[in-house]
């Protein structure tokens, strides 16, 4: 549901993934051709781990390594190039 408006605007189909099998998502992302763009929506307990698995860094996590429960303001932009990852973390609102 989170990505439905974007997918509709771009004429694309949302593809679900099993959050309990992050290795499948990582394999799918890794198989994309160079220059591809992927948008992934996740939850507070899955997104930081995905960011880290892709070589990025999520900051200000709680003691469990999750985003705080009230953190609905984060957008992580990861650029992977020649085996290196740059992370841009955007926050919205107050």
PDB file of N, CA and C in Angstrom:
ATOM      1  N   UNK A   1       0.818  -1.206   0.000  1.00  0.00           N
ATOM      2  CA  UNK A   1       0.000   0.000   0.000  1.00  0.00           C
ATOM      3  C   UNK A   1       0.860   1.267   0.000  1.00  0.00           C
ATOM      4  N   UNK A   2       2.007   1.213   0.666  1.00  0.00           N
ATOM      5  CA  UNK A   2       2.867   2.387   0.747  1.00  0.00           C
ATOM      6  C   UNK A   2       3.333   2.827  -0.634  1.00  0.00           C
ATOM      7  N   UNK A   3       3.678   1.875  -1.479  1.00  0.00           N
ATOM      8  CA  UNK A   3       4.245   2.207  -2.781  1.00  0.00           C
ATOM      9  C   UNK A   3       3.214   2.274  -3.905  1.00  0.00           C
ATOM     10  N   UNK A   4       1.961   1.950  -3.619  1.00  0.00           N
ATOM     11  CA  UNK A   4       0.936   1.923  -4.669  1.00  0.00           C
ATOM     12  C   UNK A   4       0.804   3.246  -5.421  1.00  0.00           C
ATOM     13  N   UNK A   5       0.756   4.401  -4.757  1.00  0.00           N
ATOM     14  CA  UNK A   5       0.626   5.652  -5.521  1.00  0.00           C
ATOM     15  C   UNK A   5       1.817   5.903  -6.461  1.00  0.00           C
ATOM     16  N   UNK A   6       3.024   5.619  -6.002  1.00  0.00           N
ATOM     17  CA  UNK A   6       4.201   5.797  -6.848  1.00  0.00           C
ATOM     18  C   UNK A   6       4.156   4.838  -8.037  1.00  0.00           C
ATOM     19  N   UNK A   7       3.840   3.580  -7.770  1.00  0.00           N
ATOM     20  CA  UNK A   7       3.769   2.596  -8.842  1.00  0.00           C
ATOM     21  C   UNK A   7       2.716   2.973  -9.875  1.00  0.00           C
ATOM     22  N   UNK A   8       1.578   3.444  -9.398  1.00  0.00           N
ATOM     23  CA  UNK A   8       0.518   3.847 -10.321  1.00  0.00           C
ATOM     24  C   UNK A   8       0.969   5.025 -11.176  1.00  0.00           C
ATOM     25  N   UNK A   9       1.599   5.998 -10.560  1.00  0.00           N
ATOM     26  CA  UNK A   9       2.077   7.174 -11.292  1.00  0.00           C
ATOM     27  C   UNK A   9       3.096   6.796 -12.366  1.00  0.00           C
ATOM     28  N   UNK A  10       3.938   5.797 -12.063  1.00  0.00           N
ATOM     29  CA  UNK A  10       4.984   5.386 -12.995  1.00  0.00           C
ATOM     30  C   UNK A  10       4.553   4.254 -13.926  1.00  0.00           C
ATOM     31  N   UNK A  11       3.340   3.741 -13.715  1.00  0.00           N
ATOM     32  CA  UNK A  11       2.852   2.651 -14.544  1.00  0.00           C
ATOM     33  C   UNK A  11       3.576   1.339 -14.276  1.00  0.00           C
ATOM     34  N   UNK A  12       3.966   1.126 -13.032  1.00  0.00           N
ATOM     35  CA  UNK A  12       4.679  -0.081 -12.643  1.00  0.00           C
ATOM     36  C   UNK A  12       3.843  -0.918 -11.691  1.00  0.00           C
ATOM     37  N   UNK A  13       4.254  -2.152 -11.499  1.00  0.00           N
ATOM     38  CA  UNK A  13       3.565  -3.049 -10.580  1.00  0.00           C
ATOM     39  C   UNK A  13       4.397  -3.232  -9.312  1.00  0.00           C
ATOM     40  N   UNK A  14       3.751  -3.167  -8.182  1.00  0.00           N
ATOM     41  CA  UNK A  14       4.433  -3.414  -6.909  1.00  0.00           C
ATOM     42  C   UNK A  14       4.659  -4.915  -6.779  1.00  0.00           C
ATOM     43  N   UNK A  15       5.878  -5.286  -6.417  1.00  0.00           N
ATOM     44  CA  UNK A  15       6.206  -6.688  -6.185  1.00  0.00           C
ATOM     45  C   UNK A  15       6.471  -6.862  -4.702  1.00  0.00           C
ATOM     46  N   UNK A  16       5.719  -7.726  -4.067  1.00  0.00           N
ATOM     47  CA  UNK A  16       5.906  -7.987  -2.644  1.00  0.00           C
ATOM     48  C   UNK A  16       7.125  -8.861  -2.400  1.00  0.00           C
ATOM     49  N   UNK A  17       7.567  -8.875  -1.159  1.00  0.00           N
ATOM     50  CA  UNK A  17       8.666  -9.753  -0.762  1.00  0.00           C
ATOM     51  C   UNK A  17       8.404 -10.252   0.646  1.00  0.00           C
ATOM     52  N   UNK A  18       9.014 -11.358   0.978  1.00  0.00           N
ATOM     53  CA  UNK A  18       8.862 -11.965   2.296  1.00  0.00           C
ATOM     54  C   UNK A  18       9.919 -11.367   3.223  1.00  0.00           C
ATOM     55  N   UNK A  19       9.488 -10.553   4.162  1.00  0.00           N
ATOM     56  CA  UNK A  19      10.426  -9.900   5.083  1.00  0.00           C
ATOM     57  C   UNK A  19      11.197 -10.910   5.917  1.00  0.00           C
ATOM     58  N   UNK A  20      10.676 -12.118   6.036  1.00  0.00           N
ATOM     59  CA  UNK A  20      11.361 -13.170   6.773  1.00  0.00           C
ATOM     60  C   UNK A  20      12.486 -13.830   5.980  1.00  0.00           C
ATOM     61  N   UNK A  21      12.600 -13.459   4.701  1.00  0.00           N
ATOM     62  CA  UNK A  21      13.650 -14.000   3.836  1.00  0.00           C
ATOM     63  C   UNK A  21      14.393 -12.854   3.149  1.00  0.00           C
ATOM     64  N   UNK A  22      15.108 -12.056   3.926  1.00  0.00           N
ATOM     65  CA  UNK A  22      15.787 -10.903   3.331  1.00  0.00           C
ATOM     66  C   UNK A  22      16.804 -11.292   2.262  1.00  0.00           C
ATOM     67  N   UNK A  23      17.332 -12.523   2.351  1.00  0.00           N
ATOM     68  CA  UNK A  23      18.307 -12.949   1.354  1.00  0.00           C
ATOM     69  C   UNK A  23      17.685 -13.005  -0.043  1.00  0.00           C
ATOM     70  N   UNK A  24      16.388 -13.305  -0.132  1.00  0.00           N
ATOM     71  CA  UNK A  24      15.713 -13.316  -1.430  1.00  0.00           C
ATOM     72  C   UNK A  24      15.619 -11.906  -2.003  1.00  0.00           C
ATOM     73  N   UNK A  25      15.297 -10.943  -1.168  1.00  0.00           N
ATOM     74  CA  UNK A  25      15.228  -9.557  -1.620  1.00  0.00           C
ATOM     75  C   UNK A  25      16.609  -9.066  -2.032  1.00  0.00           C
ATOM     76  N   UNK A  26      17.623  -9.373  -1.237  1.00  0.00           N
ATOM     77  CA  UNK A  26      18.987  -8.957  -1.578  1.00  0.00           C
ATOM     78  C   UNK A  26      19.428  -9.573  -2.901  1.00  0.00           C
ATOM     79  N   UNK A  27      19.082 -10.829  -3.134  1.00  0.00           N
ATOM     80  CA  UNK A  27      19.429 -11.483  -4.401  1.00  0.00           C
ATOM     81  C   UNK A  27      18.718 -10.800  -5.571  1.00  0.00           C
ATOM     82  N   UNK A  28      17.445 -10.462  -5.383  1.00  0.00           N
ATOM     83  CA  UNK A  28      16.691  -9.789  -6.446  1.00  0.00           C
ATOM     84  C   UNK A  28      17.291  -8.415  -6.744  1.00  0.00           C
ATOM     85  N   UNK A  29      17.631  -7.674  -5.704  1.00  0.00           N
ATOM     86  CA  UNK A  29      18.241  -6.359  -5.909  1.00  0.00           C
ATOM     87  C   UNK A  29      19.610  -6.496  -6.566  1.00  0.00           C
ATOM     88  N   UNK A  30      20.364  -7.492  -6.144  1.00  0.00           N
ATOM     89  CA  UNK A  30      21.690  -7.707  -6.704  1.00  0.00           C
ATOM     90  C   UNK A  30      21.686  -8.142  -8.151  1.00  0.00           C
ATOM     91  N   UNK A  31      20.575  -8.711  -8.601  1.00  0.00           N
ATOM     92  CA  UNK A  31      20.491  -9.174  -9.982  1.00  0.00           C
ATOM     93  C   UNK A  31      20.018  -8.089 -10.954  1.00  0.00           C
ATOM     94  N   UNK A  32      19.685  -6.922 -10.430  1.00  0.00           N
ATOM     95  CA  UNK A  32      19.243  -5.836 -11.310  1.00  0.00           C
ATOM     96  C   UNK A  32      20.416  -5.348 -12.165  1.00  0.00           C
ATOM     97  N   UNK A  33      20.146  -4.947 -13.394  1.00  0.00           N
ATOM     98  CA  UNK A  33      21.222  -4.423 -14.235  1.00  0.00           C
ATOM     99  C   UNK A  33      21.778  -3.113 -13.669  1.00  0.00           C
ATOM    100  N   UNK A  34      23.026  -2.836 -13.976  1.00  0.00           N
ATOM    101  CA  UNK A  34      23.630  -1.580 -13.541  1.00  0.00           C
ATOM    102  C   UNK A  34      22.787  -0.396 -13.986  1.00  0.00           C
ATOM    103  N   UNK A  35      22.711   0.622 -13.148  1.00  0.00           N
ATOM    104  CA  UNK A  35      21.924   1.808 -13.454  1.00  0.00           C
ATOM    105  C   UNK A  35      20.459   1.692 -13.081  1.00  0.00           C
ATOM    106  N   UNK A  36      20.059   0.537 -12.566  1.00  0.00           N
ATOM    107  CA  UNK A  36      18.661   0.334 -12.181  1.00  0.00           C
ATOM    108  C   UNK A  36      18.327   1.134 -10.931  1.00  0.00           C
ATOM    109  N   UNK A  37      17.054   1.401 -10.769  1.00  0.00           N
ATOM    110  CA  UNK A  37      16.534   2.051  -9.573  1.00  0.00           C
ATOM    111  C   UNK A  37      15.474   1.142  -8.979  1.00  0.00           C
ATOM    112  N   UNK A  38      15.580   0.881  -7.688  1.00  0.00           N
ATOM    113  CA  UNK A  38      14.588   0.066  -6.984  1.00  0.00           C
ATOM    114  C   UNK A  38      14.100   0.856  -5.783  1.00  0.00           C
ATOM    115  N   UNK A  39      12.831   0.760  -5.493  1.00  0.00           N
ATOM    116  CA  UNK A  39      12.247   1.394  -4.319  1.00  0.00           C
ATOM    117  C   UNK A  39      11.719   0.277  -3.437  1.00  0.00           C
ATOM    118  N   UNK A  40      12.163   0.251  -2.186  1.00  0.00           N
ATOM    119  CA  UNK A  40      11.753  -0.794  -1.256  1.00  0.00           C
ATOM    120  C   UNK A  40      11.117  -0.139  -0.037  1.00  0.00           C
ATOM    121  N   UNK A  41       9.941  -0.580   0.330  1.00  0.00           N
ATOM    122  CA  UNK A  41       9.287  -0.103   1.556  1.00  0.00           C
ATOM    123  C   UNK A  41       9.433  -1.190   2.611  1.00  0.00           C
ATOM    124  N   UNK A  42       9.779  -0.780   3.805  1.00  0.00           N
ATOM    125  CA  UNK A  42       9.944  -1.735   4.883  1.00  0.00           C
ATOM    126  C   UNK A  42       9.416  -1.178   6.189  1.00  0.00           C
ATOM    127  N   UNK A  43       9.696  -1.880   7.249  1.00  0.00           N
ATOM    128  CA  UNK A  43       9.239  -1.488   8.574  1.00  0.00           C
ATOM    129  C   UNK A  43      10.430  -1.179   9.471  1.00  0.00           C
ATOM    130  N   UNK A  44      10.132  -0.702  10.648  1.00  0.00           N
ATOM    131  CA  UNK A  44      11.185  -0.275  11.577  1.00  0.00           C
ATOM    132  C   UNK A  44      12.131  -1.400  11.947  1.00  0.00           C
ATOM    133  N   UNK A  45      11.665  -2.641  11.885  1.00  0.00           N
ATOM    134  CA  UNK A  45      12.507  -3.767  12.275  1.00  0.00           C
ATOM    135  C   UNK A  45      13.189  -4.446  11.096  1.00  0.00           C
ATOM    136  N   UNK A  46      12.881  -4.046   9.857  1.00  0.00           N
ATOM    137  CA  UNK A  46      13.518  -4.657   8.694  1.00  0.00           C
ATOM    138  C   UNK A  46      14.390  -3.688   7.909  1.00  0.00           C
ATOM    139  N   UNK A  47      14.016  -2.427   7.884  1.00  0.00           N
ATOM    140  CA  UNK A  47      14.728  -1.459   7.057  1.00  0.00           C
ATOM    141  C   UNK A  47      16.187  -1.270   7.470  1.00  0.00           C
ATOM    142  N   UNK A  48      16.510  -1.089   8.761  1.00  0.00           N
ATOM    143  CA  UNK A  48      17.928  -0.900   9.106  1.00  0.00           C
ATOM    144  C   UNK A  48      18.798  -2.086   8.706  1.00  0.00           C
ATOM    145  N   UNK A  49      18.273  -3.294   8.822  1.00  0.00           N
ATOM    146  CA  UNK A  49      19.040  -4.477   8.452  1.00  0.00           C
ATOM    147  C   UNK A  49      19.253  -4.540   6.940  1.00  0.00           C
ATOM    148  N   UNK A  50      18.249  -4.146   6.179  1.00  0.00           N
ATOM    149  CA  UNK A  50      18.386  -4.121   4.728  1.00  0.00           C
ATOM    150  C   UNK A  50      19.416  -3.066   4.315  1.00  0.00           C
ATOM    151  N   UNK A  51      19.323  -1.894   4.911  1.00  0.00           N
ATOM    152  CA  UNK A  51      20.293  -0.836   4.619  1.00  0.00           C
ATOM    153  C   UNK A  51      21.710  -1.337   4.899  1.00  0.00           C
ATOM    154  N   UNK A  52      21.906  -1.973   6.045  1.00  0.00           N
ATOM    155  CA  UNK A  52      23.235  -2.487   6.416  1.00  0.00           C
ATOM    156  C   UNK A  52      23.687  -3.586   5.454  1.00  0.00           C
ATOM    157  N   UNK A  53      22.779  -4.479   5.064  1.00  0.00           N
ATOM    158  CA  UNK A  53      23.140  -5.572   4.161  1.00  0.00           C
ATOM    159  C   UNK A  53      23.567  -5.059   2.786  1.00  0.00           C
ATOM    160  N   UNK A  54      23.058  -3.887   2.426  1.00  0.00           N
ATOM    161  CA  UNK A  54      23.434  -3.278   1.148  1.00  0.00           C
ATOM    162  C   UNK A  54      24.677  -2.400   1.281  1.00  0.00           C
ATOM    163  N   UNK A  55      25.260  -2.363   2.477  1.00  0.00           N
ATOM    164  CA  UNK A  55      26.489  -1.613   2.688  1.00  0.00           C
ATOM    165  C   UNK A  55      26.283  -0.208   3.192  1.00  0.00           C
ATOM    166  N   UNK A  56      25.037   0.152   3.525  1.00  0.00           N
ATOM    167  CA  UNK A  56      24.738   1.488   4.018  1.00  0.00           C
ATOM    168  C   UNK A  56      24.688   1.536   5.528  1.00  0.00           C
ATOM    169  N   UNK A  57      24.285   2.680   6.040  1.00  0.00           N
ATOM    170  CA  UNK A  57      24.212   2.869   7.485  1.00  0.00           C
ATOM    171  C   UNK A  57      22.948   3.635   7.856  1.00  0.00           C
ATOM    172  N   UNK A  58      22.188   3.076   8.775  1.00  0.00           N
ATOM    173  CA  UNK A  58      21.029   3.754   9.351  1.00  0.00           C
ATOM    174  C   UNK A  58      21.446   4.233  10.743  1.00  0.00           C
ATOM    175  N   UNK A  59      21.124   5.467  11.067  1.00  0.00           N
ATOM    176  CA  UNK A  59      21.534   6.033  12.354  1.00  0.00           C
ATOM    177  C   UNK A  59      20.341   6.174  13.295  1.00  0.00           C
ATOM    178  N   UNK A  60      20.661   6.483  14.533  1.00  0.00           N
ATOM    179  CA  UNK A  60      19.657   6.762  15.564  1.00  0.00           C
ATOM    180  C   UNK A  60      18.677   5.602  15.746  1.00  0.00           C
ATOM    181  N   UNK A  61      19.225   4.409  15.874  1.00  0.00           N
ATOM    182  CA  UNK A  61      18.405   3.219  16.084  1.00  0.00           C
ATOM    183  C   UNK A  61      18.210   2.995  17.570  1.00  0.00           C
ATOM    184  N   UNK A  62      17.205   2.209  17.919  1.00  0.00           N
ATOM    185  CA  UNK A  62      16.983   1.909  19.332  1.00  0.00           C
ATOM    186  C   UNK A  62      17.912   0.774  19.769  1.00  0.00           C
ATOM    187  N   UNK A  63      17.772   0.331  20.997  1.00  0.00           N
ATOM    188  CA  UNK A  63      18.663  -0.691  21.559  1.00  0.00           C
ATOM    189  C   UNK A  63      18.585  -2.018  20.805  1.00  0.00           C
ATOM    190  N   UNK A  64      17.458  -2.264  20.117  1.00  0.00           N
ATOM    191  CA  UNK A  64      17.298  -3.507  19.354  1.00  0.00           C
ATOM    192  C   UNK A  64      17.907  -3.416  17.955  1.00  0.00           C
ATOM    193  N   UNK A  65      18.340  -2.208  17.573  1.00  0.00           N
ATOM    194  CA  UNK A  65      18.841  -2.006  16.218  1.00  0.00           C
ATOM    195  C   UNK A  65      17.746  -1.682  15.234  1.00  0.00           C
ATOM    196  N   UNK A  66      16.578  -1.285  15.747  1.00  0.00           N
ATOM    197  CA  UNK A  66      15.427  -0.934  14.919  1.00  0.00           C
ATOM    198  C   UNK A  66      15.279   0.580  14.883  1.00  0.00           C
ATOM    199  N   UNK A  67      14.515   1.047  13.905  1.00  0.00           N
ATOM    200  CA  UNK A  67      14.098   2.446  13.926  1.00  0.00           C
ATOM    201  C   UNK A  67      13.129   2.605  15.087  1.00  0.00           C
ATOM    202  N   UNK A  68      13.130   3.748  15.748  1.00  0.00           N
ATOM    203  CA  UNK A  68      12.155   3.954  16.820  1.00  0.00           C
ATOM    204  C   UNK A  68      10.725   3.760  16.294  1.00  0.00           C
ATOM    205  N   UNK A  69       9.841   3.261  17.143  1.00  0.00           N
ATOM    206  CA  UNK A  69       8.473   2.953  16.722  1.00  0.00           C
ATOM    207  C   UNK A  69       7.752   4.145  16.100  1.00  0.00           C
ATOM    208  N   UNK A  70       8.057   5.341  16.535  1.00  0.00           N
ATOM    209  CA  UNK A  70       7.374   6.529  16.025  1.00  0.00           C
ATOM    210  C   UNK A  70       8.107   7.157  14.836  1.00  0.00           C
ATOM    211  N   UNK A  71       9.096   6.483  14.284  1.00  0.00           N
ATOM    212  CA  UNK A  71       9.878   7.039  13.169  1.00  0.00           C
ATOM    213  C   UNK A  71       9.213   6.711  11.837  1.00  0.00           C
ATOM    214  N   UNK A  72       8.350   7.607  11.394  1.00  0.00           N
ATOM    215  CA  UNK A  72       7.696   7.447  10.099  1.00  0.00           C
ATOM    216  C   UNK A  72       8.227   8.475   9.110  1.00  0.00           C
ATOM    217  N   UNK A  73       9.370   9.056   9.419  1.00  0.00           N
ATOM    218  CA  UNK A  73       9.867  10.189   8.653  1.00  0.00           C
ATOM    219  C   UNK A  73      11.172   9.903   7.936  1.00  0.00           C
ATOM    220  N   UNK A  74      11.513   8.643   7.715  1.00  0.00           N
ATOM    221  CA  UNK A  74      12.831   8.307   7.173  1.00  0.00           C
ATOM    222  C   UNK A  74      12.739   7.805   5.736  1.00  0.00           C
ATOM    223  N   UNK A  75      13.668   8.281   4.944  1.00  0.00           N
ATOM    224  CA  UNK A  75      13.845   7.793   3.584  1.00  0.00           C
ATOM    225  C   UNK A  75      15.339   7.588   3.398  1.00  0.00           C
ATOM    226  N   UNK A  76      15.725   6.375   3.083  1.00  0.00           N
ATOM    227  CA  UNK A  76      17.130   6.049   2.861  1.00  0.00           C
ATOM    228  C   UNK A  76      17.359   5.915   1.363  1.00  0.00           C
ATOM    229  N   UNK A  77      18.323   6.666   0.851  1.00  0.00           N
ATOM    230  CA  UNK A  77      18.697   6.588  -0.555  1.00  0.00           C
ATOM    231  C   UNK A  77      20.093   5.992  -0.594  1.00  0.00           C
ATOM    232  N   UNK A  78      20.195   4.798  -1.138  1.00  0.00           N
ATOM    233  CA  UNK A  78      21.484   4.123  -1.232  1.00  0.00           C
ATOM    234  C   UNK A  78      21.914   4.084  -2.681  1.00  0.00           C
ATOM    235  N   UNK A  79      23.133   4.484  -2.919  1.00  0.00           N
ATOM    236  CA  UNK A  79      23.713   4.398  -4.254  1.00  0.00           C
ATOM    237  C   UNK A  79      24.872   3.416  -4.179  1.00  0.00           C
ATOM    238  N   UNK A  80      24.776   2.357  -4.954  1.00  0.00           N
ATOM    239  CA  UNK A  80      25.808   1.324  -4.961  1.00  0.00           C
ATOM    240  C   UNK A  80      26.549   1.439  -6.291  1.00  0.00           C
ATOM    241  N   UNK A  81      27.865   1.624  -6.190  1.00  0.00           N
ATOM    242  CA  UNK A  81      28.684   1.787  -7.392  1.00  0.00           C
ATOM    243  C   UNK A  81      30.038   1.145  -7.154  1.00  0.00           C
ATOM    244  N   UNK A  82      30.391   0.233  -8.041  1.00  0.00           N
ATOM    245  CA  UNK A  82      31.685  -0.454  -7.971  1.00  0.00           C
ATOM    246  C   UNK A  82      31.953  -1.025  -6.581  1.00  0.00           C
ATOM    247  N   UNK A  83      30.928  -1.646  -5.996  1.00  0.00           N
ATOM    248  CA  UNK A  83      31.085  -2.313  -4.712  1.00  0.00           C
ATOM    249  C   UNK A  83      31.077  -1.404  -3.496  1.00  0.00           C
ATOM    250  N   UNK A  84      30.878  -0.129  -3.699  1.00  0.00           N
ATOM    251  CA  UNK A  84      30.818   0.814  -2.575  1.00  0.00           C
ATOM    252  C   UNK A  84      29.418   1.396  -2.493  1.00  0.00           C
ATOM    253  N   UNK A  85      28.989   1.678  -1.261  1.00  0.00           N
ATOM    254  CA  UNK A  85      27.639   2.201  -1.047  1.00  0.00           C
ATOM    255  C   UNK A  85      27.704   3.555  -0.361  1.00  0.00           C
ATOM    256  N   UNK A  86      26.976   4.502  -0.917  1.00  0.00           N
ATOM    257  CA  UNK A  86      26.802   5.813  -0.282  1.00  0.00           C
ATOM    258  C   UNK A  86      25.380   5.868   0.241  1.00  0.00           C
ATOM    259  N   UNK A  87      25.211   6.358   1.469  1.00  0.00           N
ATOM    260  CA  UNK A  87      23.885   6.434   2.087  1.00  0.00           C
ATOM    261  C   UNK A  87      23.506   7.894   2.315  1.00  0.00           C
ATOM    262  N   UNK A  88      22.311   8.233   1.875  1.00  0.00           N
ATOM    263  CA  UNK A  88      21.723   9.535   2.157  1.00  0.00           C
ATOM    264  C   UNK A  88      20.455   9.245   2.957  1.00  0.00           C
ATOM    265  N   UNK A  89      20.370   9.761   4.169  1.00  0.00           N
ATOM    266  CA  UNK A  89      19.183   9.568   4.994  1.00  0.00           C
ATOM    267  C   UNK A  89      18.429  10.870   5.076  1.00  0.00           C
ATOM    268  N   UNK A  90      17.201  10.862   4.584  1.00  0.00           N
ATOM    269  CA  UNK A  90      16.336  12.044   4.590  1.00  0.00           C
ATOM    270  C   UNK A  90      15.296  11.887   5.687  1.00  0.00           C
ATOM    271  N   UNK A  91      14.976  12.986   6.323  1.00  0.00           N
ATOM    272  CA  UNK A  91      13.922  13.002   7.345  1.00  0.00           C
ATOM    273  C   UNK A  91      12.941  14.118   7.033  1.00  0.00           C
ATOM    274  N   UNK A  92      11.682  13.825   7.287  1.00  0.00           N
ATOM    275  CA  UNK A  92      10.626  14.776   6.973  1.00  0.00           C
ATOM    276  C   UNK A  92       9.892  15.195   8.234  1.00  0.00           C
ATOM    277  N   UNK A  93       9.214  16.314   8.160  1.00  0.00           N
ATOM    278  CA  UNK A  93       8.415  16.784   9.288  1.00  0.00           C
ATOM    279  C   UNK A  93       9.239  17.589  10.266  1.00  0.00           C
ATOM    280  N   UNK A  94       8.718  17.730  11.503  1.00  0.00           N
ATOM    281  CA  UNK A  94       9.405  18.519  12.514  1.00  0.00           C
ATOM    282  C   UNK A  94      10.609  17.764  12.949  1.00  0.00           C
TER     283      UNK A  94
END
